[in-house]
Amino acid sequence: MFALLSYQPAPFSILDEIDAPLDEANIDRFANFLKDYATRGTQFIVITHRKGTMEAADVLHGVTMEESGVSRLLSVKLAEME
């Protein structure tokens, strides 16, 4: 996929748990790779449960269920948190 994006960049790409099989060292490498790749004009929407990938994000969106059957959307811009 990244080879195709190098040839013809897309405005955004959705990655669903692409980091699931990676260990912590490779999570950091992958997160840095995505940040570098994003400077070339592709925005990545990443669905993940991995802390290392979330820490590298600019914005986090999450869904939580505080009570049964009631979902709540949470959004955090990490640049504003620093």
C-alpha atoms as a PDB file:
ATOM      1  CA  MET A   1       0.000   0.000   0.000  1.00  0.00           C
ATOM      2  CA  PHE A   2       2.772   2.441   0.861  1.00  0.00           C
ATOM      3  CA  ALA A   3       4.471   1.758  -2.470  1.00  0.00           C
ATOM      4  CA  LEU A   4       1.207   2.666  -4.221  1.00  0.00           C
ATOM      5  CA  LEU A   5       0.917   5.844  -2.142  1.00  0.00           C
ATOM      6  CA  SER A   6       4.474   6.762  -3.153  1.00  0.00           C
ATOM      7  CA  TYR A   7       3.512   6.428  -6.798  1.00  0.00           C
ATOM      8  CA  GLN A   8       0.141   8.165  -6.564  1.00  0.00           C
ATOM      9  CA  PRO A   9      -0.581   9.838  -3.189  1.00  0.00           C
ATOM     10  CA  ALA A  10      -4.126   9.770  -1.835  1.00  0.00           C
ATOM     11  CA  PRO A  11      -5.584  12.577   0.306  1.00  0.00           C
ATOM     12  CA  PHE A  12      -6.319  10.089   3.105  1.00  0.00           C
ATOM     13  CA  SER A  13      -5.961   6.430   3.960  1.00  0.00           C
ATOM     14  CA  ILE A  14      -7.820   4.343   6.550  1.00  0.00           C
ATOM     15  CA  LEU A  15      -5.766   1.728   8.393  1.00  0.00           C
ATOM     16  CA  ASP A  16      -7.732  -0.729  10.543  1.00  0.00           C
ATOM     17  CA  GLU A  17      -5.557  -2.276  13.281  1.00  0.00           C
ATOM     18  CA  ILE A  18      -2.563  -2.446  10.957  1.00  0.00           C
ATOM     19  CA  ASP A  19      -0.286  -2.335  14.006  1.00  0.00           C
ATOM     20  CA  ALA A  20      -1.863  -5.299  15.845  1.00  0.00           C
ATOM     21  CA  PRO A  21       0.925  -7.844  15.171  1.00  0.00           C
ATOM     22  CA  LEU A  22       3.777  -5.429  15.986  1.00  0.00           C
ATOM     23  CA  ASP A  23       5.856  -5.428  19.168  1.00  0.00           C
ATOM     24  CA  GLU A  24       6.522  -2.187  21.087  1.00  0.00           C
ATOM     25  CA  ALA A  25       9.807  -1.387  19.313  1.00  0.00           C
ATOM     26  CA  ASN A  26       8.171  -1.726  15.918  1.00  0.00           C
ATOM     27  CA  ILE A  27       5.100   0.251  17.036  1.00  0.00           C
ATOM     28  CA  ASP A  28       7.391   3.247  17.566  1.00  0.00           C
ATOM     29  CA  ARG A  29       9.049   2.739  14.181  1.00  0.00           C
ATOM     30  CA  PHE A  30       5.679   2.410  12.474  1.00  0.00           C
ATOM     31  CA  ALA A  31       4.301   5.528  14.189  1.00  0.00           C
ATOM     32  CA  ASN A  32       7.364   7.524  13.084  1.00  0.00           C
ATOM     33  CA  PHE A  33       6.970   6.148   9.566  1.00  0.00           C
ATOM     34  CA  LEU A  34       3.334   7.331   9.426  1.00  0.00           C
ATOM     35  CA  LYS A  35       4.264  10.793  10.735  1.00  0.00           C
ATOM     36  CA  ASP A  36       6.976  11.091   8.064  1.00  0.00           C
ATOM     37  CA  TYR A  37       4.639   9.817   5.363  1.00  0.00           C
ATOM     38  CA  ALA A  38       1.938  12.298   6.410  1.00  0.00           C
ATOM     39  CA  THR A  39       4.276  15.164   5.491  1.00  0.00           C
ATOM     40  CA  ARG A  40       3.973  13.997   1.869  1.00  0.00           C
ATOM     41  CA  GLY A  41       0.280  14.891   1.768  1.00  0.00           C
ATOM     42  CA  THR A  42      -1.603  11.796   2.940  1.00  0.00           C
ATOM     43  CA  GLN A  43      -3.725  11.972   6.082  1.00  0.00           C
ATOM     44  CA  PHE A  44      -3.979   8.683   7.957  1.00  0.00           C
ATOM     45  CA  ILE A  45      -7.031   7.561   9.900  1.00  0.00           C
ATOM     46  CA  VAL A  46      -5.818   4.731  12.113  1.00  0.00           C
ATOM     47  CA  ILE A  47      -8.069   2.397  14.079  1.00  0.00           C
ATOM     48  CA  THR A  48      -5.973   0.992  16.911  1.00  0.00           C
ATOM     49  CA  HIS A  49      -5.887  -0.230  20.490  1.00  0.00           C
ATOM     50  CA  ARG A  50      -2.114   0.215  20.785  1.00  0.00           C
ATOM     51  CA  LYS A  51      -0.897   2.920  23.159  1.00  0.00           C
ATOM     52  CA  GLY A  52       2.254   3.694  21.157  1.00  0.00           C
ATOM     53  CA  THR A  53       0.279   4.411  18.004  1.00  0.00           C
ATOM     54  CA  MET A  54      -2.180   6.601  19.897  1.00  0.00           C
ATOM     55  CA  GLU A  55       0.669   8.576  21.486  1.00  0.00           C
ATOM     56  CA  ALA A  56       1.974   9.478  18.025  1.00  0.00           C
ATOM     57  CA  ALA A  57      -1.376  10.832  16.815  1.00  0.00           C
ATOM     58  CA  ASP A  58      -2.234  14.508  16.414  1.00  0.00           C
ATOM     59  CA  VAL A  59      -5.913  13.942  17.250  1.00  0.00           C
ATOM     60  CA  LEU A  60      -7.649  11.061  19.015  1.00  0.00           C
ATOM     61  CA  HIS A  61     -11.306  10.158  18.593  1.00  0.00           C
ATOM     62  CA  GLY A  62     -12.757   7.465  20.795  1.00  0.00           C
ATOM     63  CA  VAL A  63     -16.072   5.882  21.605  1.00  0.00           C
ATOM     64  CA  THR A  64     -16.905   4.861  25.150  1.00  0.00           C
ATOM     65  CA  MET A  65     -19.956   3.275  26.711  1.00  0.00           C
ATOM     66  CA  GLU A  66     -20.465   4.685  30.204  1.00  0.00           C
ATOM     67  CA  GLU A  67     -23.822   2.965  30.621  1.00  0.00           C
ATOM     68  CA  SER A  68     -25.367   0.070  28.775  1.00  0.00           C
ATOM     69  CA  GLY A  69     -26.564   1.042  25.295  1.00  0.00           C
ATOM     70  CA  VAL A  70     -25.374   4.669  25.484  1.00  0.00           C
ATOM     71  CA  SER A  71     -22.247   5.520  23.480  1.00  0.00           C
ATOM     72  CA  ARG A  72     -20.284   8.720  23.869  1.00  0.00           C
ATOM     73  CA  LEU A  73     -17.760  10.225  21.437  1.00  0.00           C
ATOM     74  CA  LEU A  74     -14.545  11.692  22.866  1.00  0.00           C
ATOM     75  CA  SER A  75     -12.078  13.833  20.918  1.00  0.00           C
ATOM     76  CA  VAL A  76      -8.689  15.130  22.030  1.00  0.00           C
ATOM     77  CA  LYS A  77      -6.221  17.295  20.102  1.00  0.00           C
ATOM     78  CA  LEU A  78      -2.891  16.249  21.558  1.00  0.00           C
ATOM     79  CA  ALA A  79      -1.079  19.433  20.481  1.00  0.00           C
ATOM     80  CA  GLU A  80      -3.382  21.408  22.788  1.00  0.00           C
ATOM     81  CA  MET A  81      -2.591  19.088  25.702  1.00  0.00           C
ATOM     82  CA  GLU A  82       1.142  19.927  25.753  1.00  0.00           C
END
